[in-house]
Amino acid sequence: MRYSTTCHVYGPATTQEQIYAEMVSSQVDRVLAGYNCTLFAYGQTGTGKTYTMEGGSGEHHSYRDDPTTGIIPRAVEHIFEELEKSNTEEYSVRVSYLELYNEELFDLLAPSSEERDRERLRIFDDPMRKGVVVISGAEEIPVRDRAEVYRLLKTGAVKRKTAATLMNMNSSRSHSIFTVSVVIRENTPNGEELVKQVRRSHSIFTVSVVIRENTPNGEELVKQGKLNLVDLAGSEHIGRSGAEGKRAKEAGNINQSLLTLGRVITALTTSAPHVPYRLVFRIFFPLSSSVIFSFYFYFLRESKLTRLLQDSLGGATITSIIATLSPASANYEETISTLEYAARAKSIKNHPECNQKLSRKALFKEYNEEIERLRRDLRTAREKNGIFLSQESYEGMEKEIAEKTEKLEELEGQLDVAVGKLQKFLEDQEIMDEQYRELYHRNKRLESKLKQRVDELDDAKKNLAVTTDRLTATKSAFEEMHGVARKLSKELRGTRNVVFDQQLDMEEWWTKTEDLLQLVSQNRELVEAIRAKVAPEVTDCCSVLSDYITKSSDHRDVLNKFIGKDL
């Protein structure tokens, strides 16, 4: 039993969303921060690389809602979401889609759709950046939203190389990363896994993001990040797949490129003095019994796959690998090989570096200097004077001319690349200038609104001052009224006590009054009783008294008469 160490193992029940969130989401954030990132899927043919990278067909769901959506559409969605969320006004997003088929590099986004008209692309070492390659003639198409990217992916998928084998009805004949097909797995009675869709080519889908920033002193800086998403064509056992003729050659080229990639990974993990990004042989020459002289000999044939992934393996790029496996026992050896392959790749030490932020002037200067240097090299290669030579010298010149012609073609390719870079930069500048104009007009409108708000704020401040004065006066009046209220409250408490005492006196008085009224009533009854009893006697007394008075009056008159007579 052999064991391999991995960072994480995902089972059959793992969702596409979980894989993206744990493996790719952070890489998108790093791309927007200015880093270059690469993610590639490796494994035996038919183990689900394409499904992981691209996912389902999405015919009945949006890319956001479809649970089968793969890494590529999720990454594109994530990039645009982050750009919109960060309110980045000036940015440019470009995509490229390349296919490596039978060691020939093609552009899947090129205008021509006919295979015979497809132009083979050439790879050159970037003279400005060591360890980085550039591709002459590759289309980098600017996109403004996710819908354009999905359309380009679908367009490129139509041109992909596929073929039927015993293990795959549609087996990719080139390394690739994106398709629009549905992967359907079936198991044969002996447990061998069959897959309905597999690609026959290697391809690289790249999303480039350029963001323009402004420093506090007004200088414009350009920040660039790239995300490379790679779906390698699966390794294939020719005897079991039943590939014949052209298909067998394709399978051989696929296996050879993957073998070379494996040698590169092995060299990087063992600190070998030379990393075979190109196919090489080491030749030993014995100079003596104790001294052996050795050197590396480079063939003209090279592995384009390893050159394309050169910066992703041991370079300045942040790289992740997804190894896909088959659960079938018949594929045990291929599964072990894939695990060992991934374990070696995991041991590679990259040195990620954030892309340098350059000003517009610095970029123009860099591109112009590179173009001028290449033009000088072209003029030097082209300017020759006619002279008479011997046959030997002529043949030497012929050889030298052939070598310089090859060098000239390489310089022309580098010049085309430099001019293409400048053209793309100018296009990006035009896109960002348009965004800047929109931002400028928007800023003017905001300034006008700001001035209006400032005026409104000044008026509000004046109103606030008046209101503050009124509030101060009201507060003083309130404090005075509060003092009066306290005084009145104190007097009210005294008055309340007096009223309470008076109320007690009144209650006592009413009690006494009721007693007096009761006594008066009793006296009245008594008087009435006495009156009823005494009234007859009084009447008699009055009658007697009246008689007495009458008699007394008569006696007085008699007396007066008597007295008068005596006088």
Protein backbone atom coordinates (compact mmCIF):
# COMPACT_ATOMS: atom_id res chain seq x y z
CA MET A 1 0.00 0.00 0.00
CA ARG A 2 1.43 3.40 -1.02
CA TYR A 3 0.35 6.70 0.50
CA SER A 4 0.42 10.27 -0.83
CA THR A 5 0.08 13.53 1.07
CA THR A 6 -2.46 16.07 -0.19
CA CYS A 7 -3.81 19.34 1.18
CA HIS A 8 -7.41 18.14 1.06
CA VAL A 9 -9.47 15.25 -0.25
CA TYR A 10 -12.93 15.88 -1.71
CA GLY A 11 -15.36 12.99 -1.93
CA PRO A 12 -18.06 12.34 -4.54
CA ALA A 13 -20.65 14.24 -2.47
CA THR A 14 -18.63 17.48 -2.45
CA THR A 15 -20.42 20.35 -4.18
CA GLN A 16 -18.93 22.58 -6.86
CA GLU A 17 -19.59 25.59 -4.63
CA GLN A 18 -17.57 24.09 -1.77
CA ILE A 19 -14.58 23.35 -4.02
CA TYR A 20 -14.66 26.87 -5.41
CA ALA A 21 -15.01 28.52 -2.00
CA GLU A 22 -12.10 26.56 -0.50
CA MET A 23 -9.69 26.51 -3.47
CA VAL A 24 -10.35 29.33 -5.90
CA SER A 25 -12.12 32.18 -4.12
CA SER A 26 -8.96 33.37 -2.36
CA GLN A 27 -7.04 33.27 -5.65
CA VAL A 28 -9.52 35.68 -7.25
CA ASP A 29 -8.93 38.08 -4.35
CA ARG A 30 -5.17 37.81 -4.94
CA VAL A 31 -5.60 38.46 -8.67
CA LEU A 32 -7.47 41.68 -7.88
CA ALA A 33 -4.63 42.57 -5.50
CA GLY A 34 -2.13 42.36 -8.40
CA TYR A 35 -0.85 38.75 -8.32
CA ASN A 36 -0.74 36.13 -11.08
CA CYS A 37 -2.52 32.88 -10.15
CA THR A 38 -2.85 29.51 -11.89
CA LEU A 39 -5.16 26.59 -11.25
CA PHE A 40 -4.92 23.42 -13.32
CA ALA A 41 -6.69 20.09 -13.21
CA TYR A 42 -4.70 16.90 -13.81
CA GLY A 43 -5.78 13.28 -13.93
CA GLN A 44 -6.57 10.23 -15.99
CA THR A 45 -8.93 10.68 -18.91
CA GLY A 46 -12.57 10.56 -17.88
CA THR A 47 -12.15 11.40 -14.17
CA GLY A 48 -14.10 14.67 -14.20
CA LYS A 49 -11.53 17.40 -14.89
CA THR A 50 -13.77 19.19 -17.37
CA TYR A 51 -16.80 18.91 -15.11
CA THR A 52 -14.82 20.41 -12.22
CA MET A 53 -13.55 23.30 -14.33
CA GLU A 54 -16.70 24.02 -16.38
CA GLY A 55 -19.57 22.18 -14.68
CA GLY A 56 -23.03 21.52 -16.09
CA SER A 57 -24.69 22.97 -19.16
CA GLY A 58 -26.61 25.62 -17.25
CA GLU A 59 -29.51 25.51 -19.70
CA HIS A 60 -32.19 25.76 -17.02
CA HIS A 61 -30.31 27.77 -14.40
CA SER A 62 -28.19 30.89 -14.28
CA TYR A 63 -24.51 30.49 -13.48
CA ARG A 64 -25.26 31.77 -9.98
CA ASP A 65 -28.14 29.36 -9.28
CA ASP A 66 -26.92 26.20 -11.06
CA PRO A 67 -25.32 23.93 -8.41
CA THR A 68 -23.28 22.17 -11.14
CA THR A 69 -21.55 25.38 -12.26
CA GLY A 70 -17.79 24.83 -12.45
CA ILE A 71 -14.76 26.86 -11.46
CA ILE A 72 -14.43 28.98 -14.62
CA PRO A 73 -17.90 30.62 -14.64
CA ARG A 74 -17.79 31.04 -10.87
CA ALA A 75 -14.39 32.77 -11.10
CA VAL A 76 -15.61 35.12 -13.84
CA GLU A 77 -18.73 35.91 -11.79
CA HIS A 78 -16.59 36.49 -8.70
CA ILE A 79 -14.19 38.87 -10.49
CA PHE A 80 -16.96 41.12 -11.80
CA GLU A 81 -18.80 40.99 -8.47
CA GLU A 82 -15.68 42.13 -6.60
CA LEU A 83 -15.00 44.91 -9.11
CA GLU A 84 -18.58 46.15 -8.78
CA LYS A 85 -18.57 45.76 -5.00
CA SER A 86 -15.34 47.77 -4.61
CA ASN A 87 -16.78 50.60 -6.75
CA THR A 88 -13.71 50.42 -9.00
CA GLU A 89 -14.54 52.84 -11.79
CA GLU A 90 -11.47 52.41 -14.02
CA TYR A 91 -10.57 48.87 -14.93
CA SER A 92 -10.08 46.65 -17.97
CA VAL A 93 -10.76 42.91 -18.15
CA ARG A 94 -9.36 40.80 -21.02
CA VAL A 95 -9.65 37.10 -21.76
CA SER A 96 -7.65 34.72 -23.92
CA TYR A 97 -8.36 31.07 -24.76
CA LEU A 98 -5.52 28.91 -26.12
CA GLU A 99 -5.39 25.26 -27.20
CA LEU A 100 -2.29 23.07 -27.33
CA TYR A 101 -2.94 20.24 -29.79
CA ASN A 102 -0.21 17.87 -31.03
CA GLU A 103 2.43 20.34 -29.78
CA GLU A 104 0.86 23.11 -31.89
CA LEU A 105 -0.56 26.18 -30.21
CA PHE A 106 -3.86 27.64 -31.49
CA ASP A 107 -6.03 30.57 -30.51
CA LEU A 108 -9.63 29.47 -29.91
CA LEU A 109 -10.82 33.09 -30.01
CA ALA A 110 -9.31 33.86 -33.42
CA PRO A 111 -11.87 35.01 -36.05
CA SER A 112 -11.32 32.02 -38.38
CA SER A 113 -13.40 28.96 -37.59
CA GLU A 114 -11.97 26.66 -40.29
CA GLU A 115 -9.27 24.29 -39.04
CA ARG A 116 -7.14 24.80 -42.16
CA ASP A 117 -7.21 28.58 -41.61
CA ARG A 118 -6.25 28.44 -37.97
CA GLU A 119 -2.94 30.18 -37.40
CA ARG A 120 -0.32 28.43 -35.32
CA LEU A 121 0.98 30.66 -32.55
CA ARG A 122 4.62 31.02 -31.58
CA ILE A 123 6.10 31.23 -28.09
CA PHE A 124 8.97 33.59 -27.21
CA ASP A 125 10.85 34.32 -24.02
CA ASP A 126 9.95 37.75 -22.69
CA PRO A 127 13.14 39.86 -22.96
CA MET A 128 11.91 42.18 -20.20
CA ARG A 129 10.98 39.53 -17.62
CA LYS A 130 13.16 36.50 -17.01
CA GLY A 131 11.34 33.17 -16.89
CA VAL A 132 8.18 34.54 -18.52
CA VAL A 133 7.04 33.61 -22.03
CA VAL A 134 4.94 35.64 -24.44
CA ILE A 135 2.73 34.31 -27.23
CA SER A 136 2.85 36.10 -30.56
CA GLY A 137 -0.52 36.67 -32.23
CA ALA A 138 -2.73 35.52 -29.36
CA GLU A 139 -6.02 37.37 -29.05
CA GLU A 140 -6.69 39.14 -25.76
CA ILE A 141 -10.26 40.35 -26.10
CA PRO A 142 -11.53 43.12 -23.78
CA VAL A 143 -14.82 42.29 -22.04
CA ARG A 144 -17.16 44.52 -20.09
CA ASP A 145 -19.36 42.02 -18.31
CA ARG A 146 -19.68 38.33 -17.49
CA ALA A 147 -22.09 37.69 -20.39
CA GLU A 148 -19.36 38.53 -22.94
CA VAL A 149 -16.98 36.10 -21.24
CA TYR A 150 -19.53 33.27 -21.33
CA ARG A 151 -20.15 33.95 -25.03
CA LEU A 152 -16.41 33.78 -25.79
CA LEU A 153 -16.05 30.55 -23.81
CA LYS A 154 -18.86 28.98 -25.79
CA THR A 155 -17.31 30.20 -29.06
CA GLY A 156 -13.93 28.69 -28.14
CA ALA A 157 -15.48 25.40 -27.05
CA VAL A 158 -16.89 24.87 -30.55
CA LYS A 159 -13.33 24.78 -31.95
CA ARG A 160 -12.02 22.28 -29.41
CA LYS A 161 -10.42 19.01 -30.49
CA THR A 162 -12.46 15.94 -29.53
CA ALA A 163 -12.47 12.33 -30.69
CA ALA A 164 -14.04 8.99 -29.75
CA THR A 165 -12.17 6.23 -27.91
CA LEU A 166 -13.28 3.10 -26.10
CA MET A 167 -13.10 5.02 -22.84
CA ASN A 168 -14.65 8.23 -24.17
CA MET A 169 -17.16 8.91 -26.93
CA ASN A 170 -15.84 12.47 -27.18
CA SER A 171 -12.25 12.37 -25.98
CA SER A 172 -10.29 15.63 -26.00
CA ARG A 173 -7.20 15.51 -28.17
CA SER A 174 -5.69 18.66 -26.64
CA HIS A 175 -5.20 20.08 -23.15
CA SER A 176 -8.15 22.33 -22.31
CA ILE A 177 -9.94 24.03 -19.48
CA PHE A 178 -13.48 24.88 -20.59
CA THR A 179 -16.31 23.14 -22.41
CA VAL A 180 -20.10 23.38 -22.65
CA SER A 181 -20.79 19.65 -22.52
CA VAL A 182 -22.39 17.46 -19.86
CA VAL A 183 -20.24 14.72 -18.31
CA ILE A 184 -22.10 11.43 -17.91
CA ARG A 185 -20.39 8.49 -16.18
CA GLU A 186 -21.30 4.83 -16.66
CA ASN A 187 -19.77 1.69 -15.21
CA THR A 188 -19.14 -1.47 -17.20
CA PRO A 189 -19.87 -4.89 -15.63
CA ASN A 190 -16.18 -5.29 -14.76
CA GLY A 191 -16.16 -2.00 -12.87
CA GLU A 192 -14.31 0.00 -15.50
CA GLU A 193 -15.51 3.60 -15.72
CA LEU A 194 -16.65 5.08 -19.02
CA VAL A 195 -17.14 8.79 -19.67
CA LYS A 196 -19.20 10.31 -22.46
CA GLN A 197 -17.24 13.59 -22.81
CA VAL A 198 -13.47 14.04 -22.57
CA ARG A 199 -11.22 16.57 -24.29
CA ARG A 200 -8.25 15.81 -26.50
CA SER A 201 -6.17 18.98 -26.10
CA HIS A 202 -4.50 21.17 -23.51
CA SER A 203 -5.83 24.72 -23.28
CA ILE A 204 -5.33 27.76 -21.10
CA PHE A 205 -8.10 30.24 -20.35
CA THR A 206 -6.72 33.49 -18.96
CA VAL A 207 -8.54 36.43 -17.39
CA SER A 208 -6.44 39.61 -17.15
CA VAL A 209 -7.59 42.46 -14.91
CA VAL A 210 -6.05 45.94 -15.22
CA ILE A 211 -7.06 48.53 -12.61
CA ARG A 212 -6.05 52.17 -12.74
CA GLU A 213 -5.45 53.90 -9.40
CA ASN A 214 -4.61 57.47 -8.47
CA THR A 215 -1.96 58.32 -5.88
CA PRO A 216 -2.48 61.22 -3.41
CA ASN A 217 -0.22 63.40 -5.59
CA GLY A 218 -2.40 62.77 -8.66
CA GLU A 219 -0.14 60.23 -10.43
CA GLU A 220 -1.93 57.42 -12.30
CA LEU A 221 -0.78 53.87 -11.55
CA VAL A 222 -1.77 50.68 -13.35
CA LYS A 223 -2.20 47.42 -11.39
CA GLN A 224 -2.50 44.12 -13.28
CA GLY A 225 -3.39 40.58 -12.20
CA LYS A 226 -3.94 37.37 -14.19
CA LEU A 227 -5.87 34.19 -13.51
CA ASN A 228 -4.91 31.14 -15.61
CA LEU A 229 -7.37 28.24 -15.51
CA VAL A 230 -6.00 25.08 -17.14
CA ASP A 231 -7.70 21.77 -17.93
CA LEU A 232 -5.00 19.33 -19.04
CA ALA A 233 -6.02 16.55 -21.40
CA GLY A 234 -6.11 13.29 -19.49
CA SER A 235 -3.34 10.72 -19.64
CA GLU A 236 -4.46 7.70 -21.65
CA HIS A 237 -3.60 4.00 -21.83
CA ILE A 238 -3.59 3.52 -25.61
CA GLY A 239 -4.19 -0.22 -25.42
CA ARG A 240 -7.25 0.14 -23.21
CA SER A 241 -8.66 3.21 -24.95
CA GLY A 242 -8.49 1.57 -28.39
CA ALA A 243 -6.94 4.64 -30.02
CA GLU A 244 -5.54 3.93 -33.48
CA GLY A 245 -3.79 5.88 -36.21
CA LYS A 246 -4.22 9.62 -35.74
CA ARG A 247 -5.91 9.12 -32.36
CA ALA A 248 -2.97 7.03 -31.15
CA LYS A 249 -0.58 9.79 -32.25
CA GLU A 250 -2.68 12.35 -30.40
CA ALA A 251 -2.67 10.20 -27.27
CA GLY A 252 1.09 9.78 -27.60
CA ASN A 253 1.60 13.55 -27.84
CA ILE A 254 -0.66 14.09 -24.83
CA ASN A 255 1.21 11.49 -22.78
CA GLN A 256 4.57 12.89 -23.95
CA SER A 257 3.70 16.45 -22.91
CA LEU A 258 2.44 15.21 -19.54
CA LEU A 259 5.61 13.14 -19.15
CA THR A 260 7.74 16.22 -19.85
CA LEU A 261 5.66 18.17 -17.34
CA GLY A 262 6.33 15.40 -14.83
CA ARG A 263 10.08 15.66 -15.48
CA VAL A 264 9.92 19.41 -14.87
CA ILE A 265 8.09 18.84 -11.58
CA THR A 266 10.63 16.20 -10.55
CA ALA A 267 13.53 18.50 -11.41
CA LEU A 268 11.99 21.34 -9.40
CA THR A 269 11.41 19.17 -6.34
CA THR A 270 14.89 17.57 -6.41
CA SER A 271 16.80 20.87 -6.90
CA ALA A 272 18.23 19.62 -10.21
CA PRO A 273 20.83 21.93 -11.84
CA HIS A 274 18.63 22.17 -14.92
CA VAL A 275 14.86 22.25 -15.28
CA PRO A 276 13.86 20.63 -18.62
CA TYR A 277 11.30 23.16 -19.80
CA ARG A 278 12.71 22.08 -23.21
CA LEU A 279 13.54 18.53 -24.25
CA VAL A 280 17.24 17.97 -23.49
CA PHE A 281 19.82 15.22 -23.28
CA ARG A 282 22.92 15.25 -21.12
CA ILE A 283 26.07 14.08 -22.97
CA PHE A 284 29.28 13.01 -21.21
CA PHE A 285 32.74 13.31 -22.79
CA PRO A 286 35.63 11.60 -20.96
CA LEU A 287 38.66 13.89 -21.13
CA SER A 288 40.82 11.56 -19.07
CA SER A 289 40.50 8.62 -16.75
CA SER A 290 39.54 10.91 -13.89
CA VAL A 291 37.90 13.87 -15.63
CA ILE A 292 34.56 13.71 -17.38
CA PHE A 293 33.18 16.80 -19.14
CA SER A 294 29.41 17.03 -19.50
CA PHE A 295 26.97 19.51 -21.01
CA TYR A 296 23.29 19.72 -21.92
CA PHE A 297 22.29 19.56 -25.57
CA TYR A 298 18.99 21.25 -26.59
CA PHE A 299 16.91 19.86 -29.43
CA LEU A 300 14.81 22.21 -31.56
CA ARG A 301 11.69 20.38 -30.44
CA GLU A 302 10.44 21.63 -27.10
CA SER A 303 7.49 20.99 -24.83
CA LYS A 304 5.18 23.94 -25.30
CA LEU A 305 3.06 22.85 -22.33
CA THR A 306 5.97 23.14 -19.90
CA ARG A 307 6.99 26.48 -21.39
CA LEU A 308 3.44 27.82 -21.00
CA LEU A 309 3.38 26.66 -17.37
CA GLN A 310 6.97 27.72 -16.71
CA ASP A 311 6.09 30.68 -14.48
CA SER A 312 3.39 28.66 -12.72
CA LEU A 313 5.88 25.97 -11.65
CA GLY A 314 8.64 27.41 -9.50
CA GLY A 315 8.05 30.99 -10.65
CA ALA A 316 6.32 34.06 -9.25
CA THR A 317 2.77 32.73 -9.72
CA ILE A 318 0.45 31.38 -7.02
CA THR A 319 -0.40 27.88 -8.28
CA SER A 320 -2.90 25.22 -7.19
CA ILE A 321 -3.51 21.78 -8.68
CA ILE A 322 -6.65 19.63 -8.64
CA ALA A 323 -5.95 15.91 -9.09
CA THR A 324 -8.97 13.93 -10.29
CA LEU A 325 -9.15 10.19 -9.61
CA SER A 326 -11.17 7.21 -10.80
CA PRO A 327 -12.79 4.94 -8.17
CA ALA A 328 -12.60 1.92 -10.51
CA SER A 329 -10.20 -0.82 -9.42
CA ALA A 330 -9.14 -1.28 -13.06
CA ASN A 331 -7.58 2.19 -12.92
CA TYR A 332 -5.53 1.54 -9.77
CA GLU A 333 -2.14 2.16 -11.39
CA GLU A 334 -3.29 5.39 -13.06
CA THR A 335 -4.76 6.57 -9.74
CA ILE A 336 -1.48 5.93 -7.89
CA SER A 337 0.44 7.71 -10.66
CA THR A 338 -1.87 10.73 -10.42
CA LEU A 339 -1.45 10.90 -6.63
CA GLU A 340 2.34 10.72 -6.90
CA TYR A 341 2.26 13.36 -9.64
CA ALA A 342 0.22 15.69 -7.44
CA ALA A 343 2.39 15.00 -4.38
CA ARG A 344 5.52 16.00 -6.31
CA ALA A 345 3.82 19.12 -7.64
CA LYS A 346 2.78 20.03 -4.09
CA SER A 347 6.45 20.09 -3.09
CA ILE A 348 7.33 22.81 -5.60
CA LYS A 349 8.23 26.10 -3.92
CA ASN A 350 6.95 29.10 -5.84
CA HIS A 351 7.93 32.65 -5.00
CA PRO A 352 4.80 34.74 -5.55
CA GLU A 353 5.40 38.40 -6.25
CA CYS A 354 2.84 41.14 -6.63
CA ASN A 355 3.00 42.71 -10.08
CA GLN A 356 4.69 46.08 -9.93
CA LYS A 357 2.37 49.05 -10.16
CA LEU A 358 3.52 51.22 -13.06
CA SER A 359 2.54 54.71 -14.06
CA ARG A 360 1.19 55.40 -17.53
CA LYS A 361 4.38 57.29 -18.45
CA ALA A 362 6.57 54.43 -17.28
CA LEU A 363 4.54 51.90 -19.31
CA PHE A 364 4.70 54.03 -22.45
CA LYS A 365 8.43 54.49 -21.96
CA GLU A 366 8.99 50.76 -21.40
CA TYR A 367 6.98 49.73 -24.49
CA ASN A 368 8.54 52.41 -26.68
CA GLU A 369 12.07 51.43 -25.59
CA GLU A 370 11.32 47.75 -26.29
CA ILE A 371 9.85 48.55 -29.72
CA GLU A 372 12.79 50.79 -30.58
CA ARG A 373 15.27 48.10 -29.47
CA LEU A 374 13.54 45.48 -31.62
CA ARG A 375 13.46 47.85 -34.59
CA ARG A 376 17.20 48.45 -34.23
CA ASP A 377 17.75 44.69 -34.16
CA LEU A 378 15.61 44.32 -37.31
CA ARG A 379 17.51 47.06 -39.13
CA THR A 380 20.80 45.47 -38.12
CA ALA A 381 19.63 42.09 -39.43
CA ARG A 382 18.27 43.52 -42.69
CA GLU A 383 21.04 45.97 -43.70
CA LYS A 384 23.66 43.98 -45.68
CA ASN A 385 26.13 45.03 -48.45
CA GLY A 386 26.70 42.89 -51.60
CA ILE A 387 30.29 41.63 -52.06
CA PHE A 388 32.10 38.84 -54.02
CA LEU A 389 32.79 35.74 -51.93
CA SER A 390 34.41 32.36 -52.43
CA GLN A 391 32.23 29.26 -52.50
CA GLU A 392 33.30 28.36 -48.98
CA SER A 393 32.62 31.88 -47.72
CA TYR A 394 29.36 31.93 -49.64
CA GLU A 395 28.23 28.70 -48.01
CA GLY A 396 29.27 30.09 -44.62
CA MET A 397 27.31 33.23 -45.37
CA GLU A 398 24.34 31.13 -46.46
CA LYS A 399 24.44 29.32 -43.14
CA GLU A 400 24.84 32.57 -41.25
CA ILE A 401 21.99 34.13 -43.22
CA ALA A 402 19.78 31.15 -42.42
CA GLU A 403 20.62 31.51 -38.73
CA LYS A 404 20.05 35.26 -38.86
CA THR A 405 16.84 34.75 -40.80
CA GLU A 406 15.62 32.53 -37.99
CA LYS A 407 16.81 35.16 -35.51
CA LEU A 408 15.09 37.81 -37.62
CA GLU A 409 11.83 35.89 -37.52
CA GLU A 410 12.16 35.60 -33.76
CA LEU A 411 12.86 39.34 -33.48
CA GLU A 412 9.90 40.09 -35.72
CA GLY A 413 7.77 37.90 -33.50
CA GLN A 414 9.05 39.71 -30.41
CA LEU A 415 8.37 43.03 -32.11
CA ASP A 416 4.85 41.89 -32.96
CA VAL A 417 4.40 40.90 -29.33
CA ALA A 418 5.70 44.28 -28.12
CA VAL A 419 3.50 46.19 -30.57
CA GLY A 420 0.57 44.00 -29.57
CA LYS A 421 1.26 44.76 -25.91
CA LEU A 422 1.35 48.47 -26.64
CA GLN A 423 -1.83 48.22 -28.71
CA LYS A 424 -3.57 46.35 -25.90
CA PHE A 425 -2.30 48.90 -23.41
CA LEU A 426 -3.63 51.74 -25.57
CA GLU A 427 -6.97 49.94 -25.87
CA ASP A 428 -7.03 49.50 -22.11
CA GLN A 429 -6.20 53.18 -21.71
CA GLU A 430 -9.01 54.08 -24.10
CA ILE A 431 -11.45 51.95 -22.12
CA MET A 432 -10.28 53.44 -18.85
CA ASP A 433 -10.27 56.96 -20.33
CA GLU A 434 -13.90 56.46 -21.29
CA GLN A 435 -14.58 55.30 -17.76
CA TYR A 436 -12.60 58.31 -16.53
CA ARG A 437 -14.72 60.71 -18.60
CA GLU A 438 -17.87 59.17 -17.18
CA LEU A 439 -16.33 59.42 -13.73
CA TYR A 440 -15.29 63.06 -14.42
CA HIS A 441 -18.82 64.08 -15.43
CA ARG A 442 -20.21 62.17 -12.50
CA ASN A 443 -17.73 63.96 -10.26
CA LYS A 444 -18.84 67.32 -11.67
CA ARG A 445 -22.45 66.45 -10.93
CA LEU A 446 -21.48 65.38 -7.44
CA GLU A 447 -19.52 68.63 -6.95
CA SER A 448 -22.60 70.63 -8.00
CA LYS A 449 -24.73 68.62 -5.60
CA LEU A 450 -22.05 69.06 -2.94
CA LYS A 451 -22.08 72.86 -3.43
CA GLN A 452 -25.86 72.82 -3.17
CA ARG A 453 -25.60 70.73 -0.02
CA VAL A 454 -22.95 73.13 1.39
CA ASP A 455 -25.26 76.10 0.76
CA GLU A 456 -28.10 74.21 2.37
CA LEU A 457 -25.76 73.40 5.25
CA ASP A 458 -24.86 77.11 5.67
CA ASP A 459 -28.57 78.00 5.74
CA ALA A 460 -29.12 75.21 8.20
CA LYS A 461 -26.28 76.56 10.36
CA LYS A 462 -27.87 80.03 10.35
CA ASN A 463 -31.24 78.56 11.23
CA LEU A 464 -29.50 76.54 13.90
CA ALA A 465 -27.95 79.71 15.38
CA VAL A 466 -31.36 81.44 15.50
CA THR A 467 -32.93 78.33 16.95
CA THR A 468 -30.10 78.13 19.50
CA ASP A 469 -30.74 81.73 20.61
CA ARG A 470 -34.42 80.99 20.90
CA LEU A 471 -33.63 77.86 22.80
CA THR A 472 -31.38 79.81 25.19
CA ALA A 473 -34.10 82.42 25.80
CA THR A 474 -36.69 79.70 26.20
CA LYS A 475 -34.40 77.89 28.61
CA SER A 476 -33.93 81.06 30.71
CA ALA A 477 -37.69 81.66 30.73
CA PHE A 478 -38.24 78.06 31.61
CA GLU A 479 -35.76 78.29 34.50
CA GLU A 480 -37.52 81.47 35.76
CA MET A 481 -40.89 79.80 35.39
CA HIS A 482 -39.49 76.80 37.17
CA GLY A 483 -38.46 79.02 40.11
CA VAL A 484 -41.91 80.61 40.20
CA ALA A 485 -43.44 77.16 39.97
CA ARG A 486 -41.35 76.00 42.93
CA LYS A 487 -42.48 79.08 44.94
CA LEU A 488 -46.11 78.54 43.96
CA SER A 489 -45.76 74.88 44.77
CA LYS A 490 -44.51 75.80 48.23
CA GLU A 491 -47.39 78.27 48.71
CA LEU A 492 -49.78 75.65 47.37
CA ARG A 493 -48.56 73.18 49.94
CA GLY A 494 -49.17 75.82 52.70
CA THR A 495 -52.59 76.67 51.29
CA ARG A 496 -53.37 72.98 51.06
CA ASN A 497 -52.52 72.59 54.75
CA VAL A 498 -54.74 75.58 55.65
CA VAL A 499 -57.54 74.24 53.52
CA PHE A 500 -57.11 70.86 55.16
CA ASP A 501 -57.34 72.47 58.62
CA GLN A 502 -60.37 74.51 57.51
CA GLN A 503 -61.91 71.38 56.12
CA LEU A 504 -61.48 69.73 59.53
CA ASP A 505 -63.02 72.82 61.21
CA MET A 506 -65.88 72.79 58.72
CA GLU A 507 -66.52 69.14 59.40
CA GLU A 508 -66.54 69.89 63.14
CA TRP A 509 -68.83 72.92 62.56
CA TRP A 510 -71.19 70.86 60.43
CA THR A 511 -71.30 68.27 63.18
CA LYS A 512 -72.16 70.96 65.76
CA THR A 513 -74.66 72.54 63.36
CA GLU A 514 -76.40 69.23 62.91
CA ASP A 515 -76.55 68.85 66.69
CA LEU A 516 -77.98 72.40 67.03
CA LEU A 517 -80.51 71.77 64.29
CA GLN A 518 -81.57 68.64 66.05
CA LEU A 519 -81.83 70.59 69.34
CA VAL A 520 -83.79 73.39 67.64
CA SER A 521 -86.14 70.81 66.20
CA GLN A 522 -86.63 69.31 69.63
CA ASN A 523 -87.17 72.80 71.14
CA ARG A 524 -89.64 73.63 68.41
CA GLU A 525 -91.60 70.50 69.19
CA LEU A 526 -91.45 71.34 72.89
CA VAL A 527 -92.58 74.93 72.25
CA GLU A 528 -95.42 73.66 70.13
CA ALA A 529 -96.45 71.31 72.89
CA ILE A 530 -96.25 74.09 75.46
CA ARG A 531 -98.06 76.43 73.14
CA ALA A 532 -100.81 73.90 72.64
CA LYS A 533 -101.08 73.46 76.41
CA VAL A 534 -100.74 77.12 77.46
CA ALA A 535 -102.66 78.71 74.61
CA PRO A 536 -106.14 78.42 76.25
CA GLU A 537 -104.82 79.76 79.49
CA VAL A 538 -103.05 82.57 77.75
CA THR A 539 -106.21 83.34 75.85
CA ASP A 540 -108.11 83.50 79.12
CA CYS A 541 -105.36 85.60 80.66
CA CYS A 542 -105.44 87.90 77.71
CA SER A 543 -109.18 88.19 77.98
CA VAL A 544 -108.92 88.92 81.73
CA LEU A 545 -106.06 91.29 81.06
CA SER A 546 -108.04 93.02 78.37
CA ASP A 547 -110.92 93.42 80.75
CA TYR A 548 -108.52 94.61 83.37
CA ILE A 549 -107.03 97.14 81.02
CA THR A 550 -110.45 98.33 80.05
CA LYS A 551 -111.39 98.68 83.62
CA SER A 552 -108.08 100.31 84.41
CA SER A 553 -108.65 102.79 81.67
CA ASP A 554 -112.05 103.56 82.98
CA HIS A 555 -110.63 104.01 86.51
CA ARG A 556 -107.92 106.26 85.08
CA ASP A 557 -110.44 108.38 83.37
CA VAL A 558 -112.49 108.56 86.54
CA LEU A 559 -109.40 109.36 88.51
CA ASN A 560 -108.36 112.02 86.06
CA LYS A 561 -111.74 113.57 86.28
CA PHE A 562 -111.60 113.42 90.01
CA ILE A 563 -108.22 114.93 90.18
CA GLY A 564 -109.23 117.65 87.80
CA LYS A 565 -112.08 118.67 89.90
CA ASP A 566 -109.91 118.94 92.97
CA LEU A 567 -107.47 121.22 91.19
